[in-house]
Amino acid sequence: MDPRQRHGGLHRHLERNQHHSRRAGAVRTVQAAPATGQDLRDIGGGVYAGSATSTAFAQNVVAAWKHDPTAGVKQVYSPVTGQSYAMTYQLVGAGTVIATGGNGAYVQF
């Protein structure tokens, strides 16, 4: 499902319980995309930002991950507000990172 779309209850259920599919006798585990409860916009380069997140801040969130690619809390500066915010980074699957925090900020890449 496109991460820019609102995720429903079934999608949330699949997130909590991995979905298994069978193809030619093999079992493959598929991790469902995270449910956000908000619409996401594509800001380019595989980065999606929530409605409460400026593009400039989302870009700084990604830059902070590239500087230190570990899960946990990082302070990230917002050029829009002139303040730094604590963002919690989670690695949620095959290379997908979700960062949340600040004043309702959400960034997925």
C-alpha atoms as a PDB file:
ATOM      1  CA  MET A   1       0.000   0.000   0.000  1.00  0.00           C
ATOM      2  CA  ASP A   2       1.255   3.467  -0.854  1.00  0.00           C
ATOM      3  CA  PRO A   3       2.499   5.056   2.427  1.00  0.00           C
ATOM      4  CA  ARG A   4       0.843   8.341   1.498  1.00  0.00           C
ATOM      5  CA  GLN A   5      -2.601   6.791   1.949  1.00  0.00           C
ATOM      6  CA  ARG A   6      -4.439   6.586   5.246  1.00  0.00           C
ATOM      7  CA  HIS A   7      -4.083   3.118   6.760  1.00  0.00           C
ATOM      8  CA  GLY A   8      -7.168   1.344   8.062  1.00  0.00           C
ATOM      9  CA  GLY A   9      -7.743  -1.068  10.924  1.00  0.00           C
ATOM     10  CA  LEU A  10      -6.914  -4.164   8.866  1.00  0.00           C
ATOM     11  CA  HIS A  11      -3.570  -2.648   7.926  1.00  0.00           C
ATOM     12  CA  ARG A  12      -2.839  -1.990  11.604  1.00  0.00           C
ATOM     13  CA  HIS A  13      -3.715  -5.614  12.369  1.00  0.00           C
ATOM     14  CA  LEU A  14      -1.274  -6.794   9.698  1.00  0.00           C
ATOM     15  CA  GLU A  15       1.409  -4.580  11.174  1.00  0.00           C
ATOM     16  CA  ARG A  16       1.076  -6.295  14.547  1.00  0.00           C
ATOM     17  CA  ASN A  17       0.830  -9.759  13.018  1.00  0.00           C
ATOM     18  CA  GLN A  18       3.188 -10.505  10.166  1.00  0.00           C
ATOM     19  CA  HIS A  19       1.461 -11.618   7.009  1.00  0.00           C
ATOM     20  CA  HIS A  20       2.585 -14.892   5.452  1.00  0.00           C
ATOM     21  CA  SER A  21       2.143 -15.722   1.781  1.00  0.00           C
ATOM     22  CA  ARG A  22       2.893 -18.944  -0.061  1.00  0.00           C
ATOM     23  CA  ARG A  23       4.340 -19.127  -3.549  1.00  0.00           C
ATOM     24  CA  ALA A  24       5.460 -22.391  -5.134  1.00  0.00           C
ATOM     25  CA  GLY A  25       5.656 -24.079  -1.740  1.00  0.00           C
ATOM     26  CA  ALA A  26       7.951 -21.468  -0.158  1.00  0.00           C
ATOM     27  CA  VAL A  27       6.944 -19.354   2.821  1.00  0.00           C
ATOM     28  CA  ARG A  28       7.846 -15.695   2.730  1.00  0.00           C
ATOM     29  CA  THR A  29       7.273 -13.260   5.601  1.00  0.00           C
ATOM     30  CA  VAL A  30       6.096  -9.806   4.571  1.00  0.00           C
ATOM     31  CA  GLN A  31       6.189  -6.914   7.020  1.00  0.00           C
ATOM     32  CA  ALA A  32       3.228  -4.584   6.550  1.00  0.00           C
ATOM     33  CA  ALA A  33       3.890  -0.853   6.182  1.00  0.00           C
ATOM     34  CA  PRO A  34       3.526   1.068   9.435  1.00  0.00           C
ATOM     35  CA  ALA A  35       0.150   2.574  10.209  1.00  0.00           C
ATOM     36  CA  THR A  36       0.452   6.267  10.917  1.00  0.00           C
ATOM     37  CA  GLY A  37      -3.093   7.532  11.289  1.00  0.00           C
ATOM     38  CA  GLN A  38      -2.149  10.495   9.103  1.00  0.00           C
ATOM     39  CA  ASP A  39      -1.655  11.272   5.451  1.00  0.00           C
ATOM     40  CA  LEU A  40       1.943  11.347   4.278  1.00  0.00           C
ATOM     41  CA  ARG A  41       3.386  13.403   1.470  1.00  0.00           C
ATOM     42  CA  ASP A  42       6.275  12.374  -0.723  1.00  0.00           C
ATOM     43  CA  ILE A  43       9.069  14.930  -0.372  1.00  0.00           C
ATOM     44  CA  GLY A  44      11.368  13.068  -2.754  1.00  0.00           C
ATOM     45  CA  GLY A  45      14.210  10.608  -2.477  1.00  0.00           C
ATOM     46  CA  GLY A  46      12.035   7.979  -0.816  1.00  0.00           C
ATOM     47  CA  VAL A  47      11.222  10.287   2.108  1.00  0.00           C
ATOM     48  CA  TYR A  48       7.644  10.791   3.358  1.00  0.00           C
ATOM     49  CA  ALA A  49       6.609  13.465   5.849  1.00  0.00           C
ATOM     50  CA  GLY A  50       3.490  13.777   7.955  1.00  0.00           C
ATOM     51  CA  SER A  51       1.192  16.766   7.744  1.00  0.00           C
ATOM     52  CA  ALA A  52       2.735  18.368  10.870  1.00  0.00           C
ATOM     53  CA  THR A  53       6.271  18.082   9.477  1.00  0.00           C
ATOM     54  CA  SER A  54       7.936  20.672   7.267  1.00  0.00           C
ATOM     55  CA  THR A  55       9.985  19.496   4.315  1.00  0.00           C
ATOM     56  CA  ALA A  56      13.092  21.238   5.680  1.00  0.00           C
ATOM     57  CA  PHE A  57      12.746  19.506   9.044  1.00  0.00           C
ATOM     58  CA  ALA A  58      12.147  16.122   7.397  1.00  0.00           C
ATOM     59  CA  GLN A  59      15.328  16.581   5.374  1.00  0.00           C
ATOM     60  CA  ASN A  60      17.243  17.328   8.595  1.00  0.00           C
ATOM     61  CA  VAL A  61      15.747  14.213  10.198  1.00  0.00           C
ATOM     62  CA  VAL A  62      17.138  12.112   7.342  1.00  0.00           C
ATOM     63  CA  ALA A  63      20.516  13.890   7.518  1.00  0.00           C
ATOM     64  CA  ALA A  64      20.741  13.152  11.260  1.00  0.00           C
ATOM     65  CA  TRP A  65      20.141   9.437  10.519  1.00  0.00           C
ATOM     66  CA  LYS A  66      22.810   9.415   7.818  1.00  0.00           C
ATOM     67  CA  HIS A  67      25.267  10.982  10.286  1.00  0.00           C
ATOM     68  CA  ASP A  68      24.414   8.367  12.957  1.00  0.00           C
ATOM     69  CA  PRO A  69      22.391   5.414  11.548  1.00  0.00           C
ATOM     70  CA  THR A  70      21.333   3.928  14.874  1.00  0.00           C
ATOM     71  CA  ALA A  71      17.906   3.606  16.466  1.00  0.00           C
ATOM     72  CA  GLY A  72      17.154   5.835  19.420  1.00  0.00           C
ATOM     73  CA  VAL A  73      16.662   9.515  20.152  1.00  0.00           C
ATOM     74  CA  LYS A  74      18.452  12.283  18.274  1.00  0.00           C
ATOM     75  CA  GLN A  75      18.109  16.062  18.550  1.00  0.00           C
ATOM     76  CA  VAL A  76      17.161  17.538  15.160  1.00  0.00           C
ATOM     77  CA  TYR A  77      17.109  21.222  14.252  1.00  0.00           C
ATOM     78  CA  SER A  78      14.132  22.777  12.480  1.00  0.00           C
ATOM     79  CA  PRO A  79      15.007  25.727  10.255  1.00  0.00           C
ATOM     80  CA  VAL A  80      11.313  26.660  10.245  1.00  0.00           C
ATOM     81  CA  THR A  81      10.957  27.135  14.015  1.00  0.00           C
ATOM     82  CA  GLY A  82      14.614  27.725  14.888  1.00  0.00           C
ATOM     83  CA  GLN A  83      14.386  25.026  17.581  1.00  0.00           C
ATOM     84  CA  SER A  84      15.727  21.501  18.027  1.00  0.00           C
ATOM     85  CA  TYR A  85      13.400  18.606  18.735  1.00  0.00           C
ATOM     86  CA  ALA A  86      13.901  15.105  20.136  1.00  0.00           C
ATOM     87  CA  MET A  87      13.117  12.568  17.423  1.00  0.00           C
ATOM     88  CA  THR A  88      12.887   8.844  18.121  1.00  0.00           C
ATOM     89  CA  TYR A  89      14.214   6.682  15.287  1.00  0.00           C
ATOM     90  CA  GLN A  90      13.068   3.094  14.708  1.00  0.00           C
ATOM     91  CA  LEU A  91      14.229   0.634  12.067  1.00  0.00           C
ATOM     92  CA  VAL A  92      10.985  -1.137  11.143  1.00  0.00           C
ATOM     93  CA  GLY A  93      11.890  -3.532   8.372  1.00  0.00           C
ATOM     94  CA  ALA A  94      13.964  -3.984   5.283  1.00  0.00           C
ATOM     95  CA  GLY A  95      15.779  -0.668   5.577  1.00  0.00           C
ATOM     96  CA  THR A  96      12.728   1.438   6.464  1.00  0.00           C
ATOM     97  CA  VAL A  97      13.239   4.029   9.190  1.00  0.00           C
ATOM     98  CA  ILE A  98      10.489   5.887  11.032  1.00  0.00           C
ATOM     99  CA  ALA A  99      11.260   8.954  13.110  1.00  0.00           C
ATOM    100  CA  THR A 100       8.637  10.505  15.385  1.00  0.00           C
ATOM    101  CA  GLY A 101       8.653  13.258  17.955  1.00  0.00           C
ATOM    102  CA  GLY A 102       8.776  17.016  18.165  1.00  0.00           C
ATOM    103  CA  ASN A 103       5.332  18.569  17.837  1.00  0.00           C
ATOM    104  CA  GLY A 104       3.680  15.583  16.130  1.00  0.00           C
ATOM    105  CA  ALA A 105       6.446  15.173  13.547  1.00  0.00           C
ATOM    106  CA  TYR A 106       6.552  11.967  11.486  1.00  0.00           C
ATOM    107  CA  VAL A 107       9.164  11.066   8.871  1.00  0.00           C
ATOM    108  CA  GLN A 108       9.494   7.745   7.057  1.00  0.00           C
ATOM    109  CA  PHE A 109      12.359   6.819   4.741  1.00  0.00           C
END
